[in-house]
Amino acid sequence: VSAFESEANVREEVNKRTCKAGYTNREGGPPASGRIISKPANDKYRKNYRRIFGHS
């Protein structure tokens, strides 16, 4: 942190940027709903993967 920036201003800017990216809310907490949802691979996924990429 430079001498011209206060810790609160830097924290506010970091929260603003991470909120815009969808990682946190404006207060720095977890977002209301996550953007990245991970699901286990099922048969439909494996079939589509083989169809698109040609291998398993």
PDB file of N, CA and C in Angstrom:
ATOM      1  N   VAL A   1       0.854  -1.178   0.000  1.00  0.00           N
ATOM      2  CA  VAL A   1       0.000   0.000   0.000  1.00  0.00           C
ATOM      3  C   VAL A   1       0.892   1.231   0.000  1.00  0.00           C
ATOM      4  N   SER A   2       0.630   2.124  -0.922  1.00  0.00           N
ATOM      5  CA  SER A   2       1.443   3.334  -0.990  1.00  0.00           C
ATOM      6  C   SER A   2       1.040   4.297   0.115  1.00  0.00           C
ATOM      7  N   ALA A   3       1.862   5.318   0.299  1.00  0.00           N
ATOM      8  CA  ALA A   3       1.592   6.311   1.337  1.00  0.00           C
ATOM      9  C   ALA A   3       0.341   7.120   1.019  1.00  0.00           C
ATOM     10  N   PHE A   4      -0.068   7.127  -0.244  1.00  0.00           N
ATOM     11  CA  PHE A   4      -1.216   7.938  -0.656  1.00  0.00           C
ATOM     12  C   PHE A   4      -2.538   7.176  -0.588  1.00  0.00           C
ATOM     13  N   GLU A   5      -2.474   5.878  -0.404  1.00  0.00           N
ATOM     14  CA  GLU A   5      -3.684   5.051  -0.340  1.00  0.00           C
ATOM     15  C   GLU A   5      -3.899   4.551   1.082  1.00  0.00           C
ATOM     16  N   SER A   6      -5.116   4.674   1.557  1.00  0.00           N
ATOM     17  CA  SER A   6      -5.415   4.129   2.883  1.00  0.00           C
ATOM     18  C   SER A   6      -5.780   2.650   2.747  1.00  0.00           C
ATOM     19  N   GLU A   7      -5.637   1.921   3.825  1.00  0.00           N
ATOM     20  CA  GLU A   7      -5.953   0.486   3.831  1.00  0.00           C
ATOM     21  C   GLU A   7      -7.426   0.257   3.471  1.00  0.00           C
ATOM     22  N   ALA A   8      -8.306   1.118   3.962  1.00  0.00           N
ATOM     23  CA  ALA A   8      -9.744   0.977   3.687  1.00  0.00           C
ATOM     24  C   ALA A   8     -10.036   1.173   2.203  1.00  0.00           C
ATOM     25  N   ASN A   9      -9.367   2.135   1.567  1.00  0.00           N
ATOM     26  CA  ASN A   9      -9.596   2.369   0.139  1.00  0.00           C
ATOM     27  C   ASN A   9      -9.129   1.185  -0.696  1.00  0.00           C
ATOM     28  N   VAL A  10      -7.995   0.625  -0.320  1.00  0.00           N
ATOM     29  CA  VAL A  10      -7.483  -0.537  -1.046  1.00  0.00           C
ATOM     30  C   VAL A  10      -8.419  -1.718  -0.863  1.00  0.00           C
ATOM     31  N   ARG A  11      -8.879  -1.968   0.356  1.00  0.00           N
ATOM     32  CA  ARG A  11      -9.804  -3.074   0.631  1.00  0.00           C
ATOM     33  C   ARG A  11     -11.101  -2.884  -0.159  1.00  0.00           C
ATOM     34  N   GLU A  12     -11.597  -1.657  -0.204  1.00  0.00           N
ATOM     35  CA  GLU A  12     -12.827  -1.377  -0.952  1.00  0.00           C
ATOM     36  C   GLU A  12     -12.638  -1.663  -2.442  1.00  0.00           C
ATOM     37  N   GLU A  13     -11.496  -1.283  -2.987  1.00  0.00           N
ATOM     38  CA  GLU A  13     -11.222  -1.517  -4.406  1.00  0.00           C
ATOM     39  C   GLU A  13     -11.097  -3.017  -4.703  1.00  0.00           C
ATOM     40  N   VAL A  14     -10.437  -3.748  -3.828  1.00  0.00           N
ATOM     41  CA  VAL A  14     -10.310  -5.200  -4.006  1.00  0.00           C
ATOM     42  C   VAL A  14     -11.687  -5.849  -3.957  1.00  0.00           C
ATOM     43  N   ASN A  15     -12.523  -5.457  -2.995  1.00  0.00           N
ATOM     44  CA  ASN A  15     -13.879  -6.011  -2.901  1.00  0.00           C
ATOM     45  C   ASN A  15     -14.691  -5.683  -4.144  1.00  0.00           C
ATOM     46  N   LYS A  16     -14.532  -4.477  -4.670  1.00  0.00           N
ATOM     47  CA  LYS A  16     -15.266  -4.074  -5.864  1.00  0.00           C
ATOM     48  C   LYS A  16     -14.869  -4.945  -7.057  1.00  0.00           C
ATOM     49  N   ARG A  17     -13.577  -5.190  -7.207  1.00  0.00           N
ATOM     50  CA  ARG A  17     -13.102  -5.978  -8.350  1.00  0.00           C
ATOM     51  C   ARG A  17     -13.476  -7.452  -8.233  1.00  0.00           C
ATOM     52  N   THR A  18     -13.354  -8.025  -7.035  1.00  0.00           N
ATOM     53  CA  THR A  18     -13.722  -9.434  -6.881  1.00  0.00           C
ATOM     54  C   THR A  18     -15.229  -9.622  -7.005  1.00  0.00           C
ATOM     55  N   CYS A  19     -16.001  -8.616  -6.615  1.00  0.00           N
ATOM     56  CA  CYS A  19     -17.456  -8.669  -6.785  1.00  0.00           C
ATOM     57  C   CYS A  19     -17.802  -8.644  -8.267  1.00  0.00           C
ATOM     58  N   LYS A  20     -17.150  -7.771  -9.022  1.00  0.00           N
ATOM     59  CA  LYS A  20     -17.411  -7.664 -10.455  1.00  0.00           C
ATOM     60  C   LYS A  20     -17.064  -8.974 -11.163  1.00  0.00           C
ATOM     61  N   ALA A  21     -16.018  -9.644 -10.697  1.00  0.00           N
ATOM     62  CA  ALA A  21     -15.622 -10.928 -11.281  1.00  0.00           C
ATOM     63  C   ALA A  21     -16.534 -12.068 -10.838  1.00  0.00           C
ATOM     64  N   GLY A  22     -17.367 -11.832  -9.812  1.00  0.00           N
ATOM     65  CA  GLY A  22     -18.309 -12.844  -9.357  1.00  0.00           C
ATOM     66  C   GLY A  22     -17.796 -13.745  -8.258  1.00  0.00           C
ATOM     67  N   TYR A  23     -16.638 -13.431  -7.693  1.00  0.00           N
ATOM     68  CA  TYR A  23     -16.069 -14.278  -6.647  1.00  0.00           C
ATOM     69  C   TYR A  23     -16.620 -13.961  -5.264  1.00  0.00           C
ATOM     70  N   THR A  24     -17.007 -12.711  -5.012  1.00  0.00           N
ATOM     71  CA  THR A  24     -17.520 -12.305  -3.705  1.00  0.00           C
ATOM     72  C   THR A  24     -18.655 -11.310  -3.899  1.00  0.00           C
ATOM     73  N   ASN A  25     -19.308 -10.937  -2.774  1.00  0.00           N
ATOM     74  CA  ASN A  25     -20.264  -9.837  -2.834  1.00  0.00           C
ATOM     75  C   ASN A  25     -19.517  -8.532  -2.532  1.00  0.00           C
ATOM     76  N   ARG A  26     -20.227  -7.412  -2.475  1.00  0.00           N
ATOM     77  CA  ARG A  26     -19.550  -6.118  -2.281  1.00  0.00           C
ATOM     78  C   ARG A  26     -18.847  -6.002  -0.935  1.00  0.00           C
ATOM     79  N   GLU A  27     -19.283  -6.777   0.060  1.00  0.00           N
ATOM     80  CA  GLU A  27     -18.666  -6.716   1.385  1.00  0.00           C
ATOM     81  C   GLU A  27     -17.494  -7.684   1.512  1.00  0.00           C
ATOM     82  N   GLY A  28     -17.220  -8.466   0.473  1.00  0.00           N
ATOM     83  CA  GLY A  28     -16.114  -9.414   0.517  1.00  0.00           C
ATOM     84  C   GLY A  28     -16.516 -10.809   0.939  1.00  0.00           C
ATOM     85  N   GLY A  29     -17.803 -11.019   1.175  1.00  0.00           N
ATOM     86  CA  GLY A  29     -18.287 -12.337   1.577  1.00  0.00           C
ATOM     87  C   GLY A  29     -18.577 -13.206   0.372  1.00  0.00           C
ATOM     88  N   PRO A  30     -19.029 -14.430   0.606  1.00  0.00           N
ATOM     89  CA  PRO A  30     -19.335 -15.323  -0.513  1.00  0.00           C
ATOM     90  C   PRO A  30     -20.535 -14.808  -1.307  1.00  0.00           C
ATOM     91  N   PRO A  31     -20.563 -15.047  -2.607  1.00  0.00           N
ATOM     92  CA  PRO A  31     -21.691 -14.577  -3.418  1.00  0.00           C
ATOM     93  C   PRO A  31     -22.973 -15.328  -3.066  1.00  0.00           C
ATOM     94  N   ALA A  32     -24.109 -14.735  -3.391  1.00  0.00           N
ATOM     95  CA  ALA A  32     -25.400 -15.355  -3.096  1.00  0.00           C
ATOM     96  C   ALA A  32     -25.540 -16.680  -3.836  1.00  0.00           C
ATOM     97  N   SER A  33     -25.097 -16.722  -5.075  1.00  0.00           N
ATOM     98  CA  SER A  33     -25.122 -17.974  -5.834  1.00  0.00           C
ATOM     99  C   SER A  33     -23.815 -18.083  -6.601  1.00  0.00           C
ATOM    100  N   GLY A  34     -23.205 -19.232  -6.508  1.00  0.00           N
ATOM    101  CA  GLY A  34     -21.934 -19.424  -7.192  1.00  0.00           C
ATOM    102  C   GLY A  34     -22.104 -19.497  -8.690  1.00  0.00           C
ATOM    103  N   ARG A  35     -21.164 -19.011  -9.428  1.00  0.00           N
ATOM    104  CA  ARG A  35     -21.226 -19.094 -10.880  1.00  0.00           C
ATOM    105  C   ARG A  35     -20.725 -20.442 -11.381  1.00  0.00           C
ATOM    106  N   ILE A  36     -19.775 -21.017 -10.673  1.00  0.00           N
ATOM    107  CA  ILE A  36     -19.196 -22.274 -11.109  1.00  0.00           C
ATOM    108  C   ILE A  36     -19.848 -23.400 -10.316  1.00  0.00           C
ATOM    109  N   ILE A  37     -20.567 -24.246 -11.013  1.00  0.00           N
ATOM    110  CA  ILE A  37     -21.234 -25.364 -10.361  1.00  0.00           C
ATOM    111  C   ILE A  37     -20.616 -26.647 -10.903  1.00  0.00           C
ATOM    112  N   SER A  38     -20.019 -27.407 -10.032  1.00  0.00           N
ATOM    113  CA  SER A  38     -19.354 -28.643 -10.423  1.00  0.00           C
ATOM    114  C   SER A  38     -20.295 -29.814 -10.195  1.00  0.00           C
ATOM    115  N   LYS A  39     -20.389 -30.673 -11.184  1.00  0.00           N
ATOM    116  CA  LYS A  39     -21.228 -31.859 -11.065  1.00  0.00           C
ATOM    117  C   LYS A  39     -20.397 -33.078 -11.444  1.00  0.00           C
ATOM    118  N   PRO A  40     -20.670 -34.210 -10.832  1.00  0.00           N
ATOM    119  CA  PRO A  40     -19.935 -35.417 -11.218  1.00  0.00           C
ATOM    120  C   PRO A  40     -20.306 -35.842 -12.636  1.00  0.00           C
ATOM    121  N   ALA A  41     -19.366 -36.456 -13.325  1.00  0.00           N
ATOM    122  CA  ALA A  41     -19.611 -36.916 -14.690  1.00  0.00           C
ATOM    123  C   ALA A  41     -20.605 -38.068 -14.672  1.00  0.00           C
ATOM    124  N   ASN A  42     -21.552 -38.022 -15.584  1.00  0.00           N
ATOM    125  CA  ASN A  42     -22.514 -39.116 -15.708  1.00  0.00           C
ATOM    126  C   ASN A  42     -22.407 -39.715 -17.114  1.00  0.00           C
ATOM    127  N   ASP A  43     -23.263 -40.673 -17.422  1.00  0.00           N
ATOM    128  CA  ASP A  43     -23.196 -41.350 -18.722  1.00  0.00           C
ATOM    129  C   ASP A  43     -23.439 -40.391 -19.879  1.00  0.00           C
ATOM    130  N   LYS A  44     -24.370 -39.455 -19.714  1.00  0.00           N
ATOM    131  CA  LYS A  44     -24.653 -38.484 -20.775  1.00  0.00           C
ATOM    132  C   LYS A  44     -23.422 -37.620 -21.051  1.00  0.00           C
ATOM    133  N   TYR A  45     -22.737 -37.207 -20.002  1.00  0.00           N
ATOM    134  CA  TYR A  45     -21.520 -36.401 -20.151  1.00  0.00           C
ATOM    135  C   TYR A  45     -20.454 -37.198 -20.902  1.00  0.00           C
ATOM    136  N   ARG A  46     -20.237 -38.452 -20.484  1.00  0.00           N
ATOM    137  CA  ARG A  46     -19.202 -39.280 -21.114  1.00  0.00           C
ATOM    138  C   ARG A  46     -19.511 -39.533 -22.590  1.00  0.00           C
ATOM    139  N   LYS A  47     -20.797 -39.770 -22.907  1.00  0.00           N
ATOM    140  CA  LYS A  47     -21.191 -40.002 -24.294  1.00  0.00           C
ATOM    141  C   LYS A  47     -20.937 -38.755 -25.144  1.00  0.00           C
ATOM    142  N   ASN A  48     -21.310 -37.593 -24.637  1.00  0.00           N
ATOM    143  CA  ASN A  48     -21.075 -36.351 -25.370  1.00  0.00           C
ATOM    144  C   ASN A  48     -19.590 -36.067 -25.524  1.00  0.00           C
ATOM    145  N   TYR A  49     -18.805 -36.371 -24.484  1.00  0.00           N
ATOM    146  CA  TYR A  49     -17.363 -36.143 -24.545  1.00  0.00           C
ATOM    147  C   TYR A  49     -16.747 -36.996 -25.652  1.00  0.00           C
ATOM    148  N   ARG A  50     -17.147 -38.290 -25.697  1.00  0.00           N
ATOM    149  CA  ARG A  50     -16.627 -39.181 -26.737  1.00  0.00           C
ATOM    150  C   ARG A  50     -17.055 -38.702 -28.122  1.00  0.00           C
ATOM    151  N   ARG A  51     -18.302 -38.241 -28.249  1.00  0.00           N
ATOM    152  CA  ARG A  51     -18.814 -37.784 -29.541  1.00  0.00           C
ATOM    153  C   ARG A  51     -18.046 -36.552 -30.016  1.00  0.00           C
ATOM    154  N   ILE A  52     -17.750 -35.633 -29.114  1.00  0.00           N
ATOM    155  CA  ILE A  52     -17.089 -34.382 -29.488  1.00  0.00           C
ATOM    156  C   ILE A  52     -15.590 -34.579 -29.704  1.00  0.00           C
ATOM    157  N   PHE A  53     -14.930 -35.264 -28.775  1.00  0.00           N
ATOM    158  CA  PHE A  53     -13.473 -35.357 -28.819  1.00  0.00           C
ATOM    159  C   PHE A  53     -12.961 -36.669 -29.408  1.00  0.00           C
ATOM    160  N   GLY A  54     -13.832 -37.666 -29.552  1.00  0.00           N
ATOM    161  CA  GLY A  54     -13.450 -38.903 -30.203  1.00  0.00           C
ATOM    162  C   GLY A  54     -12.641 -39.869 -29.367  1.00  0.00           C
ATOM    163  N   HIS A  55     -12.555 -39.651 -28.091  1.00  0.00           N
ATOM    164  CA  HIS A  55     -11.851 -40.576 -27.195  1.00  0.00           C
ATOM    165  C   HIS A  55     -12.443 -40.448 -25.808  1.00  0.00           C
ATOM    166  N   SER A  56     -12.075 -41.369 -24.920  1.00  0.00           N
ATOM    167  CA  SER A  56     -12.622 -41.327 -23.564  1.00  0.00           C
ATOM    168  C   SER A  56     -11.571 -41.022 -22.603  1.00  0.00           C
TER     169      SER A  56
END
